[in-house]
N, C-alpha and C. Protein backbone atom coordinates (compact mmCIF):
# COMPACT_ATOMS: atom_id res chain seq x y z
N MET A 1 -142.71 19.07 -34.16
CA MET A 1 -141.79 18.20 -34.85
C MET A 1 -142.51 16.91 -35.21
N ASN A 2 -142.41 16.49 -36.43
CA ASN A 2 -143.04 15.27 -36.90
C ASN A 2 -142.08 14.11 -36.64
N GLU A 3 -142.35 13.36 -35.58
CA GLU A 3 -141.49 12.23 -35.25
C GLU A 3 -142.30 11.06 -34.73
N LYS A 4 -141.68 9.89 -34.83
CA LYS A 4 -142.34 8.66 -34.39
C LYS A 4 -141.50 8.03 -33.28
N VAL A 5 -142.11 7.80 -32.14
CA VAL A 5 -141.42 7.14 -31.03
C VAL A 5 -141.41 5.64 -31.31
N VAL A 6 -140.20 5.06 -31.35
CA VAL A 6 -140.06 3.64 -31.65
C VAL A 6 -139.71 2.81 -30.40
N LEU A 7 -139.20 3.45 -29.36
CA LEU A 7 -138.97 2.80 -28.06
C LEU A 7 -139.43 3.77 -26.98
N ASP A 8 -140.30 3.31 -26.09
CA ASP A 8 -140.71 4.15 -24.97
C ASP A 8 -139.91 3.74 -23.73
N ARG A 9 -140.26 4.29 -22.59
CA ARG A 9 -139.53 4.05 -21.34
C ARG A 9 -139.44 2.57 -21.01
N ASP A 10 -140.55 1.86 -21.07
CA ASP A 10 -140.54 0.44 -20.75
C ASP A 10 -139.73 -0.36 -21.77
N ASP A 11 -139.81 0.02 -23.05
CA ASP A 11 -139.03 -0.65 -24.09
C ASP A 11 -137.53 -0.48 -23.83
N VAL A 12 -137.12 0.74 -23.47
CA VAL A 12 -135.70 1.00 -23.19
C VAL A 12 -135.24 0.15 -22.01
N ARG A 13 -136.04 0.09 -20.96
CA ARG A 13 -135.68 -0.71 -19.78
C ARG A 13 -135.54 -2.18 -20.14
N ARG A 14 -136.54 -2.72 -20.82
CA ARG A 14 -136.50 -4.14 -21.23
C ARG A 14 -135.31 -4.42 -22.14
N THR A 15 -135.03 -3.51 -23.04
CA THR A 15 -133.92 -3.67 -23.97
C THR A 15 -132.59 -3.73 -23.23
N LEU A 16 -132.40 -2.85 -22.27
CA LEU A 16 -131.15 -2.84 -21.51
C LEU A 16 -131.01 -4.10 -20.66
N VAL A 17 -132.11 -4.60 -20.11
CA VAL A 17 -132.07 -5.85 -19.34
C VAL A 17 -131.65 -7.00 -20.27
N ARG A 18 -132.22 -7.05 -21.47
CA ARG A 18 -131.87 -8.10 -22.42
C ARG A 18 -130.40 -8.03 -22.81
N ILE A 19 -129.91 -6.82 -23.10
CA ILE A 19 -128.50 -6.65 -23.48
C ILE A 19 -127.60 -7.08 -22.32
N ALA A 20 -127.96 -6.72 -21.09
CA ALA A 20 -127.15 -7.11 -19.93
C ALA A 20 -127.07 -8.63 -19.81
N HIS A 21 -128.19 -9.31 -20.01
CA HIS A 21 -128.20 -10.78 -19.98
C HIS A 21 -127.29 -11.34 -21.07
N GLU A 22 -127.34 -10.77 -22.26
CA GLU A 22 -126.50 -11.24 -23.37
C GLU A 22 -125.02 -11.03 -23.06
N ILE A 23 -124.68 -9.90 -22.47
CA ILE A 23 -123.29 -9.61 -22.11
C ILE A 23 -122.78 -10.65 -21.11
N VAL A 24 -123.56 -10.92 -20.08
CA VAL A 24 -123.14 -11.90 -19.06
C VAL A 24 -123.04 -13.29 -19.67
N GLU A 25 -124.00 -13.63 -20.51
CA GLU A 25 -124.01 -14.94 -21.16
C GLU A 25 -122.80 -15.15 -22.06
N ASN A 26 -122.39 -14.11 -22.77
CA ASN A 26 -121.27 -14.22 -23.71
C ASN A 26 -119.91 -13.98 -23.08
N ASN A 27 -119.88 -13.61 -21.82
CA ASN A 27 -118.62 -13.33 -21.13
C ASN A 27 -118.65 -14.02 -19.77
N ARG A 28 -118.37 -15.29 -19.80
CA ARG A 28 -118.46 -16.12 -18.58
C ARG A 28 -117.53 -15.64 -17.47
N ASP A 29 -116.37 -15.08 -17.82
CA ASP A 29 -115.44 -14.59 -16.82
C ASP A 29 -115.71 -13.11 -16.55
N ALA A 30 -116.64 -12.85 -15.66
CA ALA A 30 -117.01 -11.46 -15.36
C ALA A 30 -115.86 -10.69 -14.72
N GLN A 31 -114.89 -11.38 -14.14
CA GLN A 31 -113.73 -10.71 -13.55
C GLN A 31 -112.88 -10.02 -14.62
N ALA A 32 -112.98 -10.49 -15.86
CA ALA A 32 -112.18 -9.92 -16.96
C ALA A 32 -113.00 -8.96 -17.81
N LEU A 33 -114.17 -8.58 -17.33
CA LEU A 33 -115.09 -7.73 -18.09
C LEU A 33 -115.02 -6.29 -17.60
N ALA A 34 -115.23 -5.34 -18.50
CA ALA A 34 -115.35 -3.93 -18.14
C ALA A 34 -116.36 -3.30 -19.10
N ILE A 35 -117.04 -2.27 -18.63
CA ILE A 35 -118.02 -1.56 -19.45
C ILE A 35 -117.59 -0.11 -19.56
N VAL A 36 -117.56 0.40 -20.80
CA VAL A 36 -117.11 1.77 -21.05
C VAL A 36 -118.11 2.46 -21.96
N GLY A 37 -118.66 3.57 -21.50
CA GLY A 37 -119.62 4.33 -22.28
C GLY A 37 -118.96 5.46 -23.05
N ILE A 38 -119.53 5.77 -24.22
CA ILE A 38 -119.06 6.87 -25.06
C ILE A 38 -119.93 8.08 -24.73
N HIS A 39 -119.28 9.19 -24.35
CA HIS A 39 -120.04 10.39 -23.99
C HIS A 39 -120.91 10.83 -25.14
N THR A 40 -122.09 11.27 -24.90
CA THR A 40 -122.71 11.58 -23.62
C THR A 40 -123.73 10.50 -23.26
N ARG A 41 -124.62 10.21 -24.17
CA ARG A 41 -125.69 9.26 -23.84
C ARG A 41 -125.19 7.83 -23.71
N GLY A 42 -124.12 7.48 -24.41
CA GLY A 42 -123.53 6.16 -24.24
C GLY A 42 -123.01 5.95 -22.84
N ALA A 43 -122.50 7.01 -22.22
CA ALA A 43 -122.02 6.91 -20.83
C ALA A 43 -123.18 6.68 -19.87
N VAL A 44 -124.31 7.31 -20.13
CA VAL A 44 -125.50 7.10 -19.29
C VAL A 44 -125.99 5.67 -19.44
N LEU A 45 -126.06 5.19 -20.67
CA LEU A 45 -126.49 3.81 -20.91
C LEU A 45 -125.51 2.82 -20.30
N ALA A 46 -124.21 3.10 -20.37
CA ALA A 46 -123.20 2.23 -19.77
C ALA A 46 -123.39 2.14 -18.27
N ASN A 47 -123.73 3.25 -17.64
CA ASN A 47 -123.97 3.26 -16.20
C ASN A 47 -125.14 2.34 -15.84
N ARG A 48 -126.20 2.40 -16.64
CA ARG A 48 -127.35 1.53 -16.41
C ARG A 48 -126.99 0.06 -16.65
N LEU A 49 -126.29 -0.21 -17.75
CA LEU A 49 -125.87 -1.58 -18.05
C LEU A 49 -124.93 -2.12 -16.97
N HIS A 50 -124.06 -1.26 -16.49
CA HIS A 50 -123.12 -1.65 -15.43
C HIS A 50 -123.87 -2.18 -14.21
N ALA A 51 -124.88 -1.46 -13.79
CA ALA A 51 -125.68 -1.89 -12.63
C ALA A 51 -126.33 -3.25 -12.89
N LEU A 52 -126.88 -3.42 -14.07
CA LEU A 52 -127.54 -4.69 -14.42
C LEU A 52 -126.55 -5.84 -14.52
N VAL A 53 -125.42 -5.61 -15.19
CA VAL A 53 -124.42 -6.66 -15.37
C VAL A 53 -123.79 -7.03 -14.03
N THR A 54 -123.49 -6.05 -13.20
CA THR A 54 -122.91 -6.32 -11.88
C THR A 54 -123.86 -7.18 -11.05
N GLU A 55 -125.14 -6.88 -11.12
CA GLU A 55 -126.13 -7.67 -10.37
C GLU A 55 -126.23 -9.09 -10.93
N LEU A 56 -126.30 -9.22 -12.25
CA LEU A 56 -126.42 -10.54 -12.87
C LEU A 56 -125.18 -11.41 -12.66
N ALA A 57 -124.00 -10.80 -12.76
CA ALA A 57 -122.74 -11.53 -12.64
C ALA A 57 -122.35 -11.73 -11.19
N ASP A 58 -123.02 -11.03 -10.29
CA ASP A 58 -122.74 -11.11 -8.85
C ASP A 58 -121.28 -10.76 -8.54
N THR A 59 -120.75 -9.81 -9.29
CA THR A 59 -119.41 -9.29 -9.04
C THR A 59 -119.33 -7.86 -9.57
N GLU A 60 -118.47 -7.06 -8.96
CA GLU A 60 -118.32 -5.67 -9.39
C GLU A 60 -117.51 -5.63 -10.69
N VAL A 61 -118.12 -5.09 -11.72
CA VAL A 61 -117.48 -4.96 -13.03
C VAL A 61 -117.02 -3.51 -13.17
N PRO A 62 -115.77 -3.28 -13.59
CA PRO A 62 -115.30 -1.90 -13.75
C PRO A 62 -116.14 -1.14 -14.77
N LEU A 63 -116.31 0.15 -14.50
CA LEU A 63 -117.08 1.05 -15.35
C LEU A 63 -116.22 2.25 -15.70
N GLY A 64 -116.27 2.66 -16.96
CA GLY A 64 -115.56 3.85 -17.39
C GLY A 64 -116.35 4.59 -18.44
N ASP A 65 -115.84 5.76 -18.81
CA ASP A 65 -116.45 6.51 -19.90
C ASP A 65 -115.36 7.23 -20.67
N LEU A 66 -115.62 7.40 -21.96
CA LEU A 66 -114.65 8.02 -22.86
C LEU A 66 -115.24 9.23 -23.55
N ASP A 67 -114.44 10.28 -23.63
CA ASP A 67 -114.77 11.41 -24.49
C ASP A 67 -113.94 11.23 -25.75
N ILE A 68 -114.58 11.24 -26.89
CA ILE A 68 -113.87 10.97 -28.14
C ILE A 68 -113.76 12.23 -29.01
N SER A 69 -114.05 13.39 -28.43
CA SER A 69 -114.10 14.64 -29.20
C SER A 69 -112.88 14.85 -30.09
N PHE A 70 -111.69 14.64 -29.55
CA PHE A 70 -110.47 14.93 -30.32
C PHE A 70 -109.97 13.72 -31.09
N TYR A 71 -110.73 12.63 -31.08
CA TYR A 71 -110.39 11.45 -31.87
C TYR A 71 -111.24 11.37 -33.13
N ARG A 72 -112.20 12.26 -33.27
CA ARG A 72 -113.10 12.23 -34.42
C ARG A 72 -112.35 12.63 -35.69
N ASP A 73 -112.80 12.10 -36.82
CA ASP A 73 -112.15 12.44 -38.09
C ASP A 73 -112.84 13.59 -38.81
N ASP A 74 -113.82 14.22 -38.15
CA ASP A 74 -114.55 15.32 -38.78
C ASP A 74 -114.41 16.63 -38.00
N LEU A 75 -113.37 16.75 -37.18
CA LEU A 75 -113.19 17.96 -36.37
C LEU A 75 -113.16 19.22 -37.23
N GLY A 76 -112.45 19.20 -38.34
CA GLY A 76 -112.34 20.37 -39.20
C GLY A 76 -113.60 20.72 -39.94
N GLU A 77 -114.53 19.76 -40.04
CA GLU A 77 -115.76 19.97 -40.79
C GLU A 77 -116.91 20.47 -39.92
N ARG A 78 -116.74 20.39 -38.60
CA ARG A 78 -117.83 20.77 -37.71
C ARG A 78 -117.92 22.29 -37.59
N PRO A 79 -119.14 22.83 -37.58
CA PRO A 79 -119.32 24.29 -37.53
C PRO A 79 -118.98 24.88 -36.16
N THR A 80 -119.04 24.08 -35.10
CA THR A 80 -118.74 24.59 -33.77
C THR A 80 -117.70 23.69 -33.10
N ALA A 81 -117.05 24.24 -32.10
CA ALA A 81 -116.06 23.46 -31.35
C ALA A 81 -116.78 22.36 -30.57
N PRO A 82 -116.14 21.20 -30.42
CA PRO A 82 -116.79 20.11 -29.69
C PRO A 82 -116.92 20.42 -28.20
N VAL A 83 -117.96 19.88 -27.59
CA VAL A 83 -118.12 19.96 -26.14
C VAL A 83 -117.29 18.82 -25.57
N VAL A 84 -116.29 19.16 -24.77
CA VAL A 84 -115.36 18.16 -24.26
C VAL A 84 -115.74 17.77 -22.84
N HIS A 85 -115.78 16.45 -22.61
CA HIS A 85 -116.02 15.89 -21.27
C HIS A 85 -114.75 15.18 -20.84
N ALA A 86 -114.59 14.97 -19.56
CA ALA A 86 -113.45 14.19 -19.08
C ALA A 86 -113.71 12.72 -19.34
N SER A 87 -112.65 11.98 -19.66
CA SER A 87 -112.72 10.53 -19.75
C SER A 87 -112.35 9.95 -18.40
N HIS A 88 -112.97 8.84 -18.03
CA HIS A 88 -112.68 8.18 -16.76
C HIS A 88 -112.49 6.69 -17.02
N LEU A 89 -111.26 6.24 -16.94
CA LEU A 89 -110.95 4.81 -17.02
C LEU A 89 -110.05 4.52 -15.82
N ASP A 90 -110.66 4.27 -14.69
CA ASP A 90 -109.93 4.08 -13.44
C ASP A 90 -109.55 2.61 -13.24
N PHE A 91 -109.34 1.91 -14.32
CA PHE A 91 -108.92 0.51 -14.28
C PHE A 91 -108.02 0.27 -15.49
N ASP A 92 -107.25 -0.78 -15.45
CA ASP A 92 -106.36 -1.13 -16.54
C ASP A 92 -107.13 -2.00 -17.54
N PRO A 93 -107.31 -1.54 -18.78
CA PRO A 93 -108.07 -2.33 -19.74
C PRO A 93 -107.30 -3.53 -20.32
N ASP A 94 -105.99 -3.60 -20.02
CA ASP A 94 -105.18 -4.70 -20.55
C ASP A 94 -105.79 -6.04 -20.19
N ASP A 95 -105.87 -6.91 -21.19
CA ASP A 95 -106.33 -8.29 -21.04
C ASP A 95 -107.78 -8.41 -20.59
N ARG A 96 -108.56 -7.37 -20.68
CA ARG A 96 -109.98 -7.42 -20.35
C ARG A 96 -110.82 -7.46 -21.62
N THR A 97 -112.05 -7.92 -21.47
CA THR A 97 -113.04 -7.74 -22.51
C THR A 97 -113.77 -6.44 -22.19
N VAL A 98 -113.61 -5.45 -23.03
CA VAL A 98 -114.23 -4.14 -22.81
C VAL A 98 -115.45 -4.03 -23.70
N VAL A 99 -116.59 -3.78 -23.08
CA VAL A 99 -117.83 -3.56 -23.83
C VAL A 99 -118.02 -2.05 -23.97
N LEU A 100 -117.84 -1.55 -25.20
CA LEU A 100 -118.11 -0.14 -25.49
C LEU A 100 -119.61 0.02 -25.65
N VAL A 101 -120.16 1.09 -25.08
CA VAL A 101 -121.60 1.33 -25.12
C VAL A 101 -121.87 2.69 -25.75
N ASP A 102 -122.78 2.71 -26.73
CA ASP A 102 -123.22 3.97 -27.31
C ASP A 102 -124.72 3.92 -27.55
N ASP A 103 -125.29 5.08 -27.81
CA ASP A 103 -126.74 5.13 -27.99
C ASP A 103 -127.15 4.71 -29.40
N VAL A 104 -126.57 5.34 -30.43
CA VAL A 104 -126.96 5.05 -31.81
C VAL A 104 -125.72 4.70 -32.62
N LEU A 105 -125.81 3.63 -33.39
CA LEU A 105 -124.75 3.29 -34.34
C LEU A 105 -125.24 3.69 -35.72
N PHE A 106 -124.44 4.51 -36.39
CA PHE A 106 -124.81 5.03 -37.71
C PHE A 106 -123.67 4.71 -38.67
N THR A 107 -122.77 5.64 -38.91
CA THR A 107 -121.69 5.44 -39.87
C THR A 107 -120.58 4.54 -39.34
N GLY A 108 -120.42 4.50 -38.02
CA GLY A 108 -119.35 3.73 -37.40
C GLY A 108 -118.16 4.59 -37.01
N ARG A 109 -118.18 5.85 -37.39
CA ARG A 109 -117.02 6.72 -37.13
C ARG A 109 -116.85 7.04 -35.65
N THR A 110 -117.94 7.17 -34.91
CA THR A 110 -117.83 7.41 -33.47
C THR A 110 -117.19 6.20 -32.78
N VAL A 111 -117.59 5.01 -33.18
CA VAL A 111 -117.02 3.80 -32.59
C VAL A 111 -115.55 3.68 -32.92
N ARG A 112 -115.17 3.99 -34.16
CA ARG A 112 -113.75 3.97 -34.53
C ARG A 112 -112.95 4.91 -33.64
N ALA A 113 -113.49 6.11 -33.42
CA ALA A 113 -112.82 7.08 -32.57
C ALA A 113 -112.72 6.56 -31.12
N ALA A 114 -113.77 5.91 -30.65
CA ALA A 114 -113.77 5.37 -29.29
C ALA A 114 -112.73 4.26 -29.14
N ILE A 115 -112.59 3.43 -30.14
CA ILE A 115 -111.58 2.36 -30.09
C ILE A 115 -110.19 2.99 -30.04
N ASP A 116 -109.96 4.02 -30.85
CA ASP A 116 -108.67 4.72 -30.79
C ASP A 116 -108.41 5.29 -29.40
N ALA A 117 -109.41 5.91 -28.82
CA ALA A 117 -109.26 6.49 -27.48
C ALA A 117 -109.00 5.39 -26.44
N LEU A 118 -109.74 4.31 -26.53
CA LEU A 118 -109.58 3.20 -25.59
C LEU A 118 -108.17 2.64 -25.63
N PHE A 119 -107.62 2.47 -26.83
CA PHE A 119 -106.29 1.88 -26.95
C PHE A 119 -105.19 2.82 -26.46
N ASP A 120 -105.50 4.09 -26.27
CA ASP A 120 -104.54 4.98 -25.62
C ASP A 120 -104.40 4.66 -24.13
N TYR A 121 -105.36 3.94 -23.57
CA TYR A 121 -105.32 3.56 -22.15
C TYR A 121 -104.72 2.17 -21.94
N GLY A 122 -104.65 1.36 -22.98
CA GLY A 122 -104.12 0.01 -22.84
C GLY A 122 -104.56 -0.86 -23.99
N ARG A 123 -104.31 -2.17 -23.83
CA ARG A 123 -104.62 -3.12 -24.90
C ARG A 123 -105.58 -4.18 -24.38
N PRO A 124 -106.88 -3.97 -24.59
CA PRO A 124 -107.86 -4.97 -24.16
C PRO A 124 -107.67 -6.28 -24.94
N ALA A 125 -108.07 -7.39 -24.31
CA ALA A 125 -108.04 -8.68 -24.99
C ALA A 125 -109.07 -8.69 -26.12
N ARG A 126 -110.25 -8.12 -25.84
CA ARG A 126 -111.33 -8.03 -26.83
C ARG A 126 -112.10 -6.74 -26.59
N VAL A 127 -112.69 -6.24 -27.66
CA VAL A 127 -113.59 -5.10 -27.56
C VAL A 127 -114.91 -5.53 -28.18
N GLN A 128 -115.99 -5.37 -27.42
CA GLN A 128 -117.33 -5.64 -27.91
C GLN A 128 -118.10 -4.34 -27.95
N LEU A 129 -119.15 -4.29 -28.75
CA LEU A 129 -119.93 -3.07 -28.91
C LEU A 129 -121.39 -3.34 -28.60
N ALA A 130 -121.96 -2.51 -27.72
CA ALA A 130 -123.38 -2.56 -27.38
C ALA A 130 -124.00 -1.21 -27.74
N VAL A 131 -125.10 -1.24 -28.50
CA VAL A 131 -125.79 -0.01 -28.88
C VAL A 131 -127.28 -0.16 -28.62
N LEU A 132 -127.91 0.93 -28.25
CA LEU A 132 -129.35 0.91 -28.03
C LEU A 132 -130.08 0.81 -29.37
N ALA A 133 -129.57 1.54 -30.38
CA ALA A 133 -130.21 1.53 -31.70
C ALA A 133 -129.15 1.46 -32.80
N ASP A 134 -129.40 0.61 -33.79
CA ASP A 134 -128.54 0.51 -34.97
C ASP A 134 -129.37 0.95 -36.16
N ARG A 135 -128.99 2.06 -36.76
CA ARG A 135 -129.79 2.60 -37.86
C ARG A 135 -129.21 2.31 -39.23
N GLY A 136 -128.10 1.56 -39.28
CA GLY A 136 -127.52 1.20 -40.57
C GLY A 136 -126.72 2.34 -41.18
N HIS A 137 -126.48 2.27 -42.48
CA HIS A 137 -125.74 3.28 -43.25
C HIS A 137 -124.28 3.37 -42.85
N ARG A 138 -123.66 2.22 -42.61
CA ARG A 138 -122.27 2.18 -42.18
C ARG A 138 -121.32 2.66 -43.26
N GLU A 139 -120.31 3.41 -42.84
CA GLU A 139 -119.22 3.85 -43.72
C GLU A 139 -117.93 3.11 -43.39
N LEU A 140 -117.89 2.44 -42.25
CA LEU A 140 -116.73 1.68 -41.80
C LEU A 140 -117.20 0.27 -41.43
N PRO A 141 -116.30 -0.71 -41.49
CA PRO A 141 -116.70 -2.09 -41.18
C PRO A 141 -116.83 -2.34 -39.68
N ILE A 142 -117.83 -1.72 -39.09
CA ILE A 142 -118.11 -1.82 -37.66
C ILE A 142 -119.45 -2.54 -37.51
N ARG A 143 -119.48 -3.54 -36.63
CA ARG A 143 -120.71 -4.29 -36.40
C ARG A 143 -120.91 -4.47 -34.89
N PRO A 144 -122.09 -4.16 -34.38
CA PRO A 144 -122.31 -4.30 -32.94
C PRO A 144 -122.49 -5.76 -32.53
N ASP A 145 -122.05 -6.06 -31.31
CA ASP A 145 -122.25 -7.38 -30.72
C ASP A 145 -123.60 -7.48 -30.04
N TYR A 146 -124.08 -6.35 -29.53
CA TYR A 146 -125.35 -6.30 -28.80
C TYR A 146 -126.15 -5.11 -29.33
N VAL A 147 -127.35 -5.38 -29.82
CA VAL A 147 -128.20 -4.34 -30.40
C VAL A 147 -129.54 -4.33 -29.69
N GLY A 148 -129.93 -3.15 -29.22
CA GLY A 148 -131.25 -3.01 -28.62
C GLY A 148 -132.34 -3.12 -29.66
N LYS A 149 -132.23 -2.31 -30.72
CA LYS A 149 -133.23 -2.32 -31.78
C LYS A 149 -132.58 -1.90 -33.09
N ASN A 150 -132.83 -2.69 -34.12
CA ASN A 150 -132.42 -2.30 -35.47
C ASN A 150 -133.49 -1.36 -36.02
N LEU A 151 -133.06 -0.21 -36.49
CA LEU A 151 -133.99 0.79 -37.02
C LEU A 151 -133.66 1.07 -38.48
N PRO A 152 -134.36 0.42 -39.40
CA PRO A 152 -134.14 0.74 -40.81
C PRO A 152 -134.58 2.19 -41.05
N THR A 153 -133.63 3.03 -41.40
CA THR A 153 -133.93 4.45 -41.60
C THR A 153 -133.46 4.88 -42.97
N ALA A 154 -134.07 5.93 -43.46
CA ALA A 154 -133.57 6.59 -44.67
C ALA A 154 -132.41 7.48 -44.24
N ARG A 155 -131.50 7.71 -45.14
CA ARG A 155 -130.35 8.56 -44.81
C ARG A 155 -130.81 9.95 -44.39
N GLY A 156 -131.94 10.40 -44.89
CA GLY A 156 -132.44 11.73 -44.57
C GLY A 156 -133.21 11.81 -43.26
N GLU A 157 -133.31 10.72 -42.54
CA GLU A 157 -134.00 10.74 -41.24
C GLU A 157 -132.98 10.89 -40.12
N ARG A 158 -133.46 11.27 -38.95
CA ARG A 158 -132.61 11.38 -37.75
C ARG A 158 -133.19 10.50 -36.66
N VAL A 159 -132.30 9.96 -35.85
CA VAL A 159 -132.70 9.16 -34.70
C VAL A 159 -132.36 9.94 -33.45
N PHE A 160 -133.34 10.11 -32.59
CA PHE A 160 -133.15 10.84 -31.34
C PHE A 160 -133.27 9.88 -30.17
N VAL A 161 -132.23 9.80 -29.37
CA VAL A 161 -132.26 9.02 -28.13
C VAL A 161 -132.36 10.03 -26.99
N ARG A 162 -133.39 9.87 -26.20
CA ARG A 162 -133.60 10.75 -25.04
C ARG A 162 -133.56 9.89 -23.79
N LEU A 163 -132.78 10.34 -22.82
CA LEU A 163 -132.63 9.58 -21.58
C LEU A 163 -133.01 10.43 -20.39
N GLU A 164 -133.63 9.79 -19.43
CA GLU A 164 -134.14 10.46 -18.23
C GLU A 164 -133.09 11.36 -17.58
N GLU A 165 -131.86 10.87 -17.46
CA GLU A 165 -130.81 11.61 -16.75
C GLU A 165 -130.43 12.92 -17.44
N ILE A 166 -130.65 13.00 -18.74
CA ILE A 166 -130.27 14.19 -19.51
C ILE A 166 -131.49 14.95 -20.01
N ASP A 167 -132.48 14.21 -20.53
CA ASP A 167 -133.60 14.82 -21.25
C ASP A 167 -134.92 14.76 -20.50
N GLY A 168 -134.95 14.05 -19.36
CA GLY A 168 -136.17 13.97 -18.58
C GLY A 168 -137.15 12.90 -19.03
N VAL A 169 -136.78 12.11 -20.04
CA VAL A 169 -137.65 11.05 -20.55
C VAL A 169 -136.78 9.99 -21.22
N ASP A 170 -137.23 8.74 -21.15
CA ASP A 170 -136.55 7.65 -21.86
C ASP A 170 -137.35 7.32 -23.11
N GLU A 171 -136.75 7.55 -24.29
CA GLU A 171 -137.40 7.17 -25.54
C GLU A 171 -136.41 7.26 -26.69
N VAL A 172 -136.75 6.56 -27.76
CA VAL A 172 -136.02 6.65 -29.02
C VAL A 172 -137.05 7.01 -30.07
N ALA A 173 -136.74 8.02 -30.87
CA ALA A 173 -137.67 8.50 -31.89
C ALA A 173 -136.95 8.71 -33.22
N ILE A 174 -137.72 8.64 -34.29
CA ILE A 174 -137.21 8.91 -35.64
C ILE A 174 -137.96 10.11 -36.18
N ALA A 175 -137.21 11.03 -36.81
CA ALA A 175 -137.81 12.22 -37.42
C ALA A 175 -137.10 12.54 -38.72
N ASP A 176 -137.73 13.36 -39.54
CA ASP A 176 -137.10 13.81 -40.78
C ASP A 176 -135.94 14.73 -40.43
N ALA A 177 -134.85 14.63 -41.19
CA ALA A 177 -133.67 15.47 -40.94
C ALA A 177 -133.98 16.94 -41.18
N ALA A 178 -134.99 17.21 -41.97
CA ALA A 178 -135.35 18.60 -42.26
C ALA A 178 -135.89 19.30 -41.02
N GLU A 179 -136.30 18.52 -40.03
CA GLU A 179 -136.81 19.12 -38.79
C GLU A 179 -135.66 19.76 -38.03
N PRO A 180 -135.88 20.90 -37.39
CA PRO A 180 -134.80 21.55 -36.63
C PRO A 180 -134.43 20.73 -35.40
N VAL A 181 -133.16 20.77 -35.05
CA VAL A 181 -132.69 20.10 -33.85
C VAL A 181 -132.90 21.05 -32.68
N VAL A 182 -133.60 20.58 -31.66
CA VAL A 182 -133.90 21.39 -30.50
C VAL A 182 -132.96 20.97 -29.39
N ALA A 183 -132.32 21.95 -28.73
CA ALA A 183 -131.38 21.66 -27.65
C ALA A 183 -132.05 20.80 -26.60
N GLY A 184 -131.29 19.80 -26.14
CA GLY A 184 -131.81 18.91 -25.10
C GLY A 184 -132.78 17.86 -25.60
N LYS A 185 -132.90 17.71 -26.91
CA LYS A 185 -133.86 16.78 -27.47
C LYS A 185 -133.23 15.46 -27.90
N GLY A 186 -131.99 15.21 -27.53
CA GLY A 186 -131.32 13.99 -27.95
C GLY A 186 -130.66 14.21 -29.29
N ARG A 187 -129.92 13.18 -29.76
CA ARG A 187 -129.21 13.33 -31.02
C ARG A 187 -129.01 11.98 -31.66
N ASP A 188 -128.61 12.04 -32.93
CA ASP A 188 -128.24 10.78 -33.57
C ASP A 188 -126.73 10.76 -33.76
N GLU A 189 -126.17 9.57 -33.88
CA GLU A 189 -124.73 9.36 -33.99
C GLU A 189 -124.28 9.67 -35.40
N ARG A 190 -123.15 10.30 -35.53
CA ARG A 190 -122.60 10.61 -36.86
C ARG A 190 -121.41 9.78 -37.07
């Protein structure tokens, strides 16, 4: 596969540390903060950010994860049935600042679906968005509050986020869309 690695393991670690610092800096009341990851890789990144933010804020910040499979607007267009994960929001999001975490921001449709899912659990005071990579090409007016790396990409390219917990390696890579998608090789956000 012809691809270029744009973030390696150390880059991913440094990026998450920086994002955690920004989250704490922009949310002085850590008691009103919660972190929620979007399945699958966003949930892994949220878990890592949660540990960093909890340490920096010196208080336990609630952590959750959302499956947005049935909130997507492209269910009828997908060739296969979605892989469904359980959502876990073991806290009340009402009146909290909820930081949604995802791996790649592309069209914005995944984030829209996540916001819909989140509001089924309650009414947060604010929703912020943290992404490891923003590749542009938005179709909806969604803008991240925290960005690990802006990746100017062509529409015909794909961004692959690979994480140790799922893929055995931490990296972000860009490849031509014409390249076949290999199972377990990460994915880009649609």
